[in-house]
């Protein structure tokens, strides 16, 4: 019961914080990183865990980015991830197992995960600056009005 109250107080505190451009951009970038990495089904749970650790992140942009990166937007990213991994590893020798299926799984997974990690870092960094910049423009326009 006590833990539930602490958790409720924590989320109420997060709701009261005023969003700063850095927190908004960082929230979107972290959500983007979580979504692009292959974490099917647990990305929302990871978002909650990260919010428990880092209170300054903007929760709306974090979960907004998780909603933005759905199967339609991630399909080309995953294809590009494999192509990047294929470019990096090239014609390397494939580790052979007695079961042919394991050979293919190993080769595909290695190439995909390396390419996906590279894309996740690059897209997360770019999204941080883009969202922060757009948010700062929105704040300036509100001050003028």
Protein backbone atom coordinates (compact mmCIF):
# COMPACT_ATOMS: atom_id res chain seq x y z
CA UNK A 1 0.00 0.00 0.00
CA UNK A 2 2.81 2.37 0.87
CA UNK A 3 4.64 1.66 -2.41
CA UNK A 4 1.46 2.40 -4.36
CA UNK A 5 1.13 5.80 -2.66
CA UNK A 6 4.78 6.67 -3.39
CA UNK A 7 4.32 5.68 -7.01
CA UNK A 8 1.16 7.79 -7.27
CA UNK A 9 2.92 10.80 -5.69
CA UNK A 10 5.81 10.39 -8.10
CA UNK A 11 3.58 10.44 -11.18
CA UNK A 12 1.65 13.44 -9.82
CA UNK A 13 4.98 15.24 -9.45
CA UNK A 14 5.90 14.37 -13.02
CA UNK A 15 2.57 15.76 -14.24
CA UNK A 16 3.15 19.11 -12.50
CA UNK A 17 6.56 19.75 -14.05
CA UNK A 18 6.75 22.44 -16.69
CA UNK A 19 8.28 21.09 -19.86
CA UNK A 20 11.61 22.55 -20.87
CA UNK A 21 12.85 22.20 -24.47
CA UNK A 22 15.63 19.86 -23.34
CA UNK A 23 13.20 17.58 -21.48
CA UNK A 24 10.77 17.53 -24.40
CA UNK A 25 13.48 16.67 -26.93
CA UNK A 26 15.09 14.12 -24.66
CA UNK A 27 11.77 12.43 -23.92
CA UNK A 28 11.10 12.01 -27.62
CA UNK A 29 14.64 10.79 -28.31
CA UNK A 30 14.49 8.18 -25.53
CA UNK A 31 11.10 6.97 -26.72
CA UNK A 32 12.46 6.77 -30.25
CA UNK A 33 15.42 4.71 -29.10
CA UNK A 34 13.17 2.34 -27.18
CA UNK A 35 10.84 1.93 -30.14
CA UNK A 36 13.44 1.45 -32.86
CA UNK A 37 15.34 -1.19 -30.94
CA UNK A 38 13.56 -4.53 -31.31
CA UNK A 39 11.62 -4.56 -28.04
CA UNK A 40 8.22 -5.80 -29.17
CA UNK A 41 5.55 -5.62 -26.53
CA UNK A 42 7.71 -4.27 -23.73
CA UNK A 43 8.52 -0.80 -25.06
CA UNK A 44 5.75 0.83 -22.99
CA UNK A 45 6.96 -0.98 -19.88
CA UNK A 46 10.50 0.19 -20.61
CA UNK A 47 9.15 3.73 -20.97
CA UNK A 48 7.58 3.55 -17.50
CA UNK A 49 10.79 2.16 -16.00
CA UNK A 50 12.87 4.92 -17.57
CA UNK A 51 10.43 7.54 -16.25
CA UNK A 52 10.86 6.11 -12.75
CA UNK A 53 14.62 6.55 -13.02
CA UNK A 54 14.80 9.87 -14.90
CA UNK A 55 12.21 12.27 -13.51
CA UNK A 56 13.16 15.17 -15.78
CA UNK A 57 12.09 13.45 -19.00
CA UNK A 58 8.86 14.67 -20.52
CA UNK A 59 6.51 11.72 -20.33
CA UNK A 60 4.15 12.99 -23.00
CA UNK A 61 6.83 13.15 -25.67
CA UNK A 62 8.31 9.82 -24.54
CA UNK A 63 5.00 7.98 -24.95
CA UNK A 64 4.10 10.07 -27.99
CA UNK A 65 7.22 8.85 -29.74
CA UNK A 66 6.43 5.25 -28.77
CA UNK A 67 3.01 5.71 -30.41
CA UNK A 68 4.58 7.39 -33.45
CA UNK A 69 6.98 4.52 -34.11
CA UNK A 70 4.46 1.82 -35.00
CA UNK A 71 4.73 -1.10 -37.42
CA UNK A 72 4.06 1.15 -40.43
CA UNK A 73 6.84 3.60 -39.62
CA UNK A 74 9.27 0.93 -38.42
CA UNK A 75 9.04 -1.39 -41.43
CA UNK A 76 11.38 0.68 -43.63
CA UNK A 77 13.67 1.27 -40.64
CA UNK A 78 14.01 -2.47 -40.02
CA UNK A 79 14.70 -3.10 -43.71
CA UNK A 80 17.37 -0.41 -43.68
CA UNK A 81 18.80 -1.89 -40.46
CA UNK A 82 19.41 -5.20 -42.19
CA UNK A 83 20.93 -3.49 -45.23
CA UNK A 84 23.35 -1.52 -43.02
CA UNK A 85 24.35 -4.67 -41.16
CA UNK A 86 24.77 -6.47 -44.47
CA UNK A 87 27.02 -3.65 -45.69
CA UNK A 88 29.13 -3.78 -42.51
CA UNK A 89 29.57 -7.55 -42.40
CA UNK A 90 29.70 -8.07 -46.16
CA UNK A 91 30.70 -11.56 -47.24
CA UNK A 92 31.87 -12.86 -43.87
CA UNK A 93 31.97 -16.56 -43.18
CA UNK A 94 28.76 -17.82 -41.70
CA UNK A 95 29.07 -19.85 -38.53
CA UNK A 96 27.67 -23.26 -39.36
CA UNK A 97 25.56 -25.38 -37.10
CA UNK A 98 24.15 -28.83 -37.68
CA UNK A 99 20.75 -27.26 -38.21
CA UNK A 100 20.50 -25.05 -41.30
CA UNK A 101 17.83 -22.86 -39.74
CA UNK A 102 20.25 -21.77 -36.99
CA UNK A 103 22.77 -20.68 -39.64
CA UNK A 104 20.21 -18.35 -41.20
CA UNK A 105 18.95 -17.04 -37.86
CA UNK A 106 22.48 -16.24 -36.66
CA UNK A 107 23.43 -14.49 -39.89
CA UNK A 108 20.23 -12.47 -40.08
CA UNK A 109 20.13 -11.52 -36.39
CA UNK A 110 23.70 -10.29 -36.25
CA UNK A 111 23.31 -8.11 -39.33
CA UNK A 112 19.92 -6.80 -38.26
CA UNK A 113 20.87 -5.94 -34.67
CA UNK A 114 24.07 -4.10 -35.61
CA UNK A 115 22.29 -2.07 -38.28
CA UNK A 116 19.35 -1.42 -35.97
CA UNK A 117 21.58 -0.19 -33.16
CA UNK A 118 23.31 2.23 -35.51
CA UNK A 119 19.99 3.54 -36.82
CA UNK A 120 18.49 3.81 -33.33
CA UNK A 121 21.36 6.00 -32.14
CA UNK A 122 21.37 8.21 -35.24
CA UNK A 123 17.59 8.66 -35.43
CA UNK A 124 17.31 9.26 -31.67
CA UNK A 125 19.97 11.97 -31.77
CA UNK A 126 18.38 13.63 -34.80
CA UNK A 127 14.91 13.46 -33.26
CA UNK A 128 16.19 15.13 -30.08
CA UNK A 129 17.41 18.19 -31.96
CA UNK A 130 14.40 18.31 -34.29
CA UNK A 131 11.78 18.07 -31.53
CA UNK A 132 13.66 20.50 -29.29
CA UNK A 133 13.92 23.02 -32.14
CA UNK A 134 10.23 22.71 -33.09
CA UNK A 135 9.20 23.03 -29.44
CA UNK A 136 11.32 26.19 -29.04
CA UNK A 137 9.64 27.69 -32.11
CA UNK A 138 6.22 26.88 -30.65
CA UNK A 139 7.19 28.54 -27.35
CA UNK A 140 8.39 31.67 -29.17
CA UNK A 141 5.15 31.88 -31.14
CA UNK A 142 3.11 31.60 -27.93
CA UNK A 143 5.10 34.46 -26.37
CA UNK A 144 4.46 36.68 -29.39
CA UNK A 145 0.72 36.02 -29.34
